[in-house]
Amino acid sequence: MVAEAHAPPDAVAPAPAAPEPASERRSRSDRREHGDGGRRGPVKKTSPLEYIVRSLVAVVVLVVVIVFAVRHTRPVFATRGTLGEELRKHAPEAAAVLAAADSSPIERFMATAKFRDEKRNFFEDVMRTKQVDSARADSIAQFAVREAYVRGISPAIVFGVMLTENARFISGAMSNVGAVGLMQVYPKIWLKKEFSDSLGKDLASDSTNVRYGVFILSKYFNPRTKSGGTSTRDYRSALLHYNGCVNGTNTPNCKNYPDKVRQYVEASAKSICDGRGFYDCIAKPFIDGLFGESAKK
């Protein structure tokens, strides 16, 4: 016989909740419509001005952090040289291979000991004139030796012409016929588009003037033949053409121009010639110049 289960005498079933009056009920749409924010409270809207101010403050803080990091962070290898310098120091063979593959012929030449020696000699002779400071003497030597080797002209000839044309090394010097600069280039003849596109236009600039001057010397030392090749003139004839003294009618004493250049070379190119006689000193550095015919066009 199974005993019947009886509920405890005091257990009372909960009474059904009384319905909420319709007037006190709020629908979801009512809450969203009135937007009191519920348990999160009312939502505060950000004004455009406040947003802009906050953005500007964030930008300023970011800039300050970047500046601080740049000034106070010491980069790795900061105390070492460039990659090229480190390679030349510790792996010269690899550096030579990389330099040959990633540089022009003139850049490779300017990295050689020969160029440094020639540039130093030219620099010393310019300084010996006591007309320019060391910084300008260095830049003139750089331009002169570089162009001399590109065009196949002796640095001694370039130096002698400079002293003959402009012994005080005045960049903006102008002759009575309008020739300009270190090597007294005549703009009416040479400052044409066919030349200026590759050589430049500012004849008062040392680099441009030397570029033109040595280019002109190469034209007269190695004139083109009718067959398209080049011939070689003796230094006297080439320098007379450079001076514009072909017939000697405009300037009666222009025939002495080559002698003046030679005198300057023998008297002042002490480091450049280094004890060699005039003819040995003015020998071409290369028969056709560093780049051959391509450099002369």
Protein backbone atom coordinates (compact mmCIF):
# COMPACT_ATOMS: atom_id res chain seq x y z
CA MET A 1 0.00 0.00 0.00
CA VAL A 2 1.43 3.30 -1.02
CA ALA A 3 0.89 6.28 1.27
CA GLU A 4 -0.52 9.37 -0.34
CA ALA A 5 1.71 12.41 -0.39
CA HIS A 6 0.28 15.35 1.44
CA ALA A 7 1.46 18.94 1.14
CA PRO A 8 2.57 20.64 4.37
CA PRO A 9 -0.36 22.23 6.08
CA ASP A 10 1.11 25.76 5.86
CA ALA A 11 2.11 25.61 2.16
CA VAL A 12 -0.10 27.94 0.20
CA ALA A 13 -0.04 28.29 -3.60
CA PRO A 14 1.03 31.81 -4.70
CA ALA A 15 -1.77 34.01 -5.81
CA PRO A 16 -1.67 35.22 -9.39
CA ALA A 17 -0.20 38.70 -9.81
CA ALA A 18 -2.71 41.41 -10.24
CA PRO A 19 -2.72 42.86 -13.72
CA GLU A 20 -0.89 46.18 -14.08
CA PRO A 21 -3.16 49.03 -14.99
CA ALA A 22 -2.89 49.91 -18.64
CA SER A 23 -2.23 53.53 -17.77
CA GLU A 24 0.97 52.64 -15.87
CA ARG A 25 2.37 50.26 -18.46
CA ARG A 26 5.01 51.52 -20.92
CA SER A 27 5.71 49.83 -24.12
CA ARG A 28 9.28 49.39 -25.50
CA SER A 29 8.57 51.95 -28.10
CA ASP A 30 7.61 54.41 -25.36
CA ARG A 31 10.95 53.89 -23.62
CA ARG A 32 12.88 54.36 -26.82
CA GLU A 33 10.78 57.36 -27.73
CA HIS A 34 11.35 59.15 -24.44
CA GLY A 35 14.94 57.86 -24.21
CA ASP A 36 15.69 58.10 -20.48
CA GLY A 37 18.66 55.80 -20.97
CA GLY A 38 17.43 53.00 -18.73
CA ARG A 39 19.95 51.68 -16.25
CA ARG A 40 22.85 53.33 -18.09
CA GLY A 41 21.52 56.80 -17.56
CA PRO A 42 21.05 59.49 -20.19
CA VAL A 43 23.51 59.48 -23.16
CA LYS A 44 25.54 62.68 -23.41
CA LYS A 45 26.22 63.81 -26.99
CA THR A 46 29.71 65.15 -27.97
CA SER A 47 29.72 68.52 -29.64
CA PRO A 48 31.75 68.97 -32.87
CA LEU A 49 34.03 71.51 -31.16
CA GLU A 50 34.82 69.12 -28.32
CA TYR A 51 35.61 66.36 -30.83
CA ILE A 52 38.00 68.61 -32.74
CA VAL A 53 39.76 69.71 -29.54
CA ARG A 54 40.22 66.11 -28.42
CA SER A 55 41.62 65.14 -31.81
CA LEU A 56 44.09 68.03 -31.79
CA VAL A 57 45.25 67.10 -28.29
CA ALA A 58 45.81 63.50 -29.44
CA VAL A 59 47.83 64.66 -32.45
CA VAL A 60 50.01 66.95 -30.30
CA VAL A 61 50.70 64.14 -27.84
CA LEU A 62 51.64 61.80 -30.70
CA VAL A 63 54.02 64.35 -32.20
CA VAL A 64 55.68 64.92 -28.81
CA VAL A 65 56.17 61.16 -28.38
CA ILE A 66 57.71 60.82 -31.87
CA VAL A 67 60.09 63.76 -31.35
CA PHE A 68 61.16 62.39 -27.98
CA ALA A 69 61.80 58.96 -29.47
CA VAL A 70 63.86 60.37 -32.36
CA ARG A 71 66.02 62.51 -30.07
CA HIS A 72 66.61 60.00 -27.32
CA THR A 73 66.64 56.64 -29.07
CA ARG A 74 70.11 55.55 -30.14
CA PRO A 75 69.84 53.46 -33.32
CA VAL A 76 71.76 50.24 -33.77
CA PHE A 77 75.12 50.77 -35.50
CA ALA A 78 74.91 54.52 -34.84
CA THR A 79 78.59 54.60 -33.96
CA ARG A 80 79.62 52.79 -37.13
CA GLY A 81 80.18 53.99 -40.66
CA THR A 82 78.01 53.42 -43.66
CA LEU A 83 77.42 49.94 -44.99
CA GLY A 84 79.90 50.63 -47.78
CA GLU A 85 82.57 51.75 -45.31
CA GLU A 86 82.04 48.69 -43.12
CA LEU A 87 82.26 46.41 -46.15
CA ARG A 88 85.45 48.08 -47.38
CA LYS A 89 86.94 47.68 -43.92
CA HIS A 90 85.98 44.07 -43.20
CA ALA A 91 85.20 42.56 -46.61
CA PRO A 92 87.02 44.53 -49.34
CA GLU A 93 86.43 41.86 -51.98
CA ALA A 94 82.66 41.98 -51.49
CA ALA A 95 82.71 45.77 -51.41
CA ALA A 96 84.56 45.87 -54.73
CA VAL A 97 82.03 43.56 -56.36
CA LEU A 98 79.07 45.58 -55.06
CA ALA A 99 80.66 48.89 -56.10
CA ALA A 100 81.31 47.65 -59.60
CA ALA A 101 77.73 46.48 -60.00
CA ASP A 102 76.06 49.51 -58.46
CA SER A 103 77.97 52.56 -59.71
CA SER A 104 78.75 54.39 -62.92
CA PRO A 105 82.24 54.38 -64.50
CA ILE A 106 82.93 57.93 -63.30
CA GLU A 107 81.87 57.03 -59.75
CA ARG A 108 84.18 54.04 -59.79
CA PHE A 109 87.03 56.20 -61.10
CA MET A 110 86.43 58.86 -58.44
CA ALA A 111 86.72 56.16 -55.79
CA THR A 112 90.24 55.20 -56.90
CA ALA A 113 93.51 56.21 -55.29
CA LYS A 114 94.65 57.75 -58.60
CA PHE A 115 91.76 60.20 -58.64
CA ARG A 116 92.38 61.14 -55.02
CA ASP A 117 96.07 61.76 -55.77
CA GLU A 118 95.32 63.87 -58.86
CA LYS A 119 92.68 65.84 -57.01
CA ARG A 120 95.04 66.49 -54.09
CA ASN A 121 97.76 67.70 -56.47
CA PHE A 122 95.35 70.05 -58.24
CA PHE A 123 94.08 71.30 -54.87
CA GLU A 124 97.60 72.04 -53.63
CA ASP A 125 98.46 74.02 -56.75
CA VAL A 126 95.24 76.05 -56.53
CA MET A 127 95.89 76.77 -52.85
CA ARG A 128 99.41 77.88 -53.72
CA THR A 129 97.94 80.76 -55.75
CA LYS A 130 96.44 82.18 -52.50
CA GLN A 131 93.34 83.32 -54.35
CA VAL A 132 90.67 81.03 -52.82
CA ASP A 133 89.96 79.30 -49.52
CA SER A 134 90.46 75.58 -49.02
CA ALA A 135 86.80 74.65 -49.49
CA ARG A 136 86.58 76.31 -52.89
CA ALA A 137 89.99 74.98 -53.92
CA ASP A 138 88.78 71.49 -53.10
CA SER A 139 85.60 71.84 -55.16
CA ILE A 140 87.50 73.32 -58.15
CA ALA A 141 89.98 70.44 -57.98
CA GLN A 142 87.12 67.94 -57.86
CA PHE A 143 85.42 69.39 -60.93
CA ALA A 144 88.61 69.92 -62.91
CA VAL A 145 90.17 66.49 -62.42
CA ARG A 146 86.88 64.69 -62.95
CA GLU A 147 86.17 66.47 -66.25
CA ALA A 148 89.80 66.17 -67.38
CA TYR A 149 89.65 62.40 -67.10
CA VAL A 150 86.19 62.14 -68.61
CA ARG A 151 87.34 64.09 -71.69
CA GLY A 152 90.89 62.80 -71.96
CA ILE A 153 92.53 66.19 -71.26
CA SER A 154 95.52 66.62 -68.99
CA PRO A 155 94.69 68.26 -65.62
CA ALA A 156 97.83 70.35 -66.18
CA ILE A 157 96.32 71.89 -69.34
CA VAL A 158 93.07 72.63 -67.47
CA PHE A 159 95.03 74.30 -64.66
CA GLY A 160 97.16 76.33 -67.08
CA VAL A 161 94.09 77.56 -69.00
CA MET A 162 92.35 78.53 -65.76
CA LEU A 163 95.30 80.66 -64.67
CA THR A 164 95.66 82.21 -68.12
CA GLU A 165 91.97 83.05 -68.39
CA ASN A 166 91.12 83.93 -64.79
CA ALA A 167 94.12 83.98 -62.45
CA ARG A 168 92.01 85.24 -59.52
CA PHE A 169 89.43 82.45 -59.89
CA ILE A 170 86.46 84.85 -59.97
CA SER A 171 83.34 82.81 -60.80
CA GLY A 172 81.34 85.67 -62.30
CA ALA A 173 84.23 87.30 -64.16
CA MET A 174 83.26 88.55 -67.62
CA SER A 175 85.59 89.64 -70.38
CA ASN A 176 85.03 92.63 -72.67
CA VAL A 177 83.59 90.27 -75.29
CA GLY A 178 81.28 88.50 -72.83
CA ALA A 179 83.25 85.36 -71.94
CA VAL A 180 82.29 84.13 -68.46
CA GLY A 181 83.74 82.34 -65.45
CA LEU A 182 86.79 80.32 -64.46
CA MET A 183 87.61 79.22 -68.01
CA GLN A 184 86.06 82.22 -69.80
CA VAL A 185 83.42 80.39 -71.81
CA TYR A 186 81.77 82.41 -74.55
CA PRO A 187 77.99 81.97 -74.15
CA LYS A 188 77.03 83.21 -77.63
CA ILE A 189 78.83 80.24 -79.12
CA TRP A 190 78.54 77.50 -76.52
CA LEU A 191 75.41 78.16 -74.47
CA LYS A 192 73.10 76.42 -76.92
CA LYS A 193 70.46 73.81 -76.28
CA GLU A 194 72.50 71.04 -77.88
CA PHE A 195 75.14 71.60 -75.16
CA SER A 196 73.17 73.10 -72.25
CA ASP A 197 70.88 70.07 -71.92
CA SER A 198 73.83 67.98 -70.77
CA LEU A 199 76.37 70.55 -69.58
CA GLY A 200 74.10 73.05 -67.80
CA LYS A 201 73.27 76.72 -68.26
CA ASP A 202 74.82 78.66 -65.38
CA LEU A 203 78.28 79.60 -66.63
CA ALA A 204 78.97 81.51 -63.41
CA SER A 205 78.81 78.22 -61.52
CA ASP A 206 82.26 76.66 -61.10
CA SER A 207 81.08 73.13 -61.87
CA THR A 208 79.18 74.14 -65.02
CA ASN A 209 81.94 76.43 -66.25
CA VAL A 210 84.64 73.79 -65.82
CA ARG A 211 82.41 71.24 -67.52
CA TYR A 212 82.07 73.53 -70.54
CA GLY A 213 85.73 74.56 -70.53
CA VAL A 214 87.09 71.03 -70.56
CA PHE A 215 84.47 69.96 -73.09
CA ILE A 216 85.62 72.77 -75.42
CA LEU A 217 89.27 71.81 -74.92
CA SER A 218 88.43 68.24 -75.88
CA LYS A 219 86.74 69.48 -79.05
CA TYR A 220 89.91 71.29 -80.09
CA PHE A 221 92.44 68.73 -78.89
CA ASN A 222 90.49 65.88 -80.51
CA PRO A 223 88.51 67.34 -83.42
CA ARG A 224 86.16 65.15 -85.42
CA THR A 225 87.12 64.15 -88.91
CA LYS A 226 84.85 64.03 -91.95
CA SER A 227 84.69 60.26 -91.64
CA GLY A 228 83.23 60.57 -88.13
CA GLY A 229 86.37 59.66 -86.21
CA THR A 230 88.68 61.94 -84.24
CA SER A 231 92.14 63.29 -84.85
CA THR A 232 94.69 64.73 -82.44
CA ARG A 233 95.97 68.32 -82.56
CA ASP A 234 99.19 69.50 -81.00
CA TYR A 235 98.74 71.56 -77.86
CA ARG A 236 99.61 74.88 -79.54
CA SER A 237 97.03 74.55 -82.29
CA ALA A 238 94.37 73.31 -79.84
CA LEU A 239 94.96 76.19 -77.41
CA LEU A 240 94.88 78.77 -80.21
CA HIS A 241 91.47 77.45 -81.24
CA TYR A 242 90.32 77.58 -77.61
CA ASN A 243 91.38 81.21 -77.43
CA GLY A 244 89.69 81.98 -80.73
CA CYS A 245 93.00 82.94 -82.25
CA VAL A 246 92.86 81.18 -85.60
CA ASN A 247 93.84 84.10 -87.82
CA GLY A 248 94.95 86.55 -85.16
CA THR A 249 93.12 89.49 -86.74
CA ASN A 250 90.96 90.44 -83.73
CA THR A 251 93.68 90.17 -81.09
CA PRO A 252 97.18 90.80 -82.50
CA ASN A 253 99.05 89.16 -79.60
CA CYS A 254 96.80 86.10 -79.30
CA LYS A 255 99.46 83.93 -80.92
CA ASN A 256 101.25 84.03 -77.57
CA TYR A 257 98.35 82.29 -75.80
CA PRO A 258 99.83 78.75 -75.84
CA ASP A 259 103.11 80.13 -74.47
CA LYS A 260 101.27 81.78 -71.56
CA VAL A 261 99.50 78.53 -70.71
CA ARG A 262 102.81 76.66 -70.80
CA GLN A 263 104.46 79.26 -68.56
CA TYR A 264 101.70 78.91 -65.98
CA VAL A 265 101.99 75.12 -66.05
CA GLU A 266 105.76 75.16 -65.64
CA ALA A 267 105.69 77.84 -62.93
CA SER A 268 102.59 76.90 -60.92
CA ALA A 269 101.63 73.26 -61.52
CA LYS A 270 104.23 72.00 -59.06
CA SER A 271 102.14 69.23 -57.51
CA ILE A 272 100.33 68.33 -60.73
CA CYS A 273 103.54 67.86 -62.73
CA ASP A 274 105.54 66.54 -59.77
CA GLY A 275 108.92 67.22 -61.36
CA ARG A 276 107.97 66.08 -64.88
CA GLY A 277 108.75 68.21 -67.88
CA PHE A 278 105.99 70.12 -69.68
CA TYR A 279 105.32 67.55 -72.42
CA ASP A 280 105.25 64.65 -70.00
CA CYS A 281 103.01 66.61 -67.67
CA ILE A 282 100.42 67.45 -70.32
CA ALA A 283 100.22 63.89 -71.66
CA LYS A 284 96.63 62.71 -71.82
CA PRO A 285 95.41 60.65 -68.87
CA PHE A 286 93.68 58.34 -71.39
CA ILE A 287 93.85 58.34 -75.17
CA ASP A 288 90.10 58.68 -75.65
CA GLY A 289 89.13 59.88 -72.21
CA LEU A 290 87.56 57.80 -69.49
CA PHE A 291 84.44 56.97 -71.51
CA GLY A 292 85.80 57.17 -75.02
CA GLU A 293 83.63 58.68 -77.73
CA SER A 294 80.39 58.45 -75.74
CA ALA A 295 81.63 61.08 -73.32
CA LYS A 296 82.37 63.60 -76.03
CA LYS A 297 78.93 63.80 -77.54
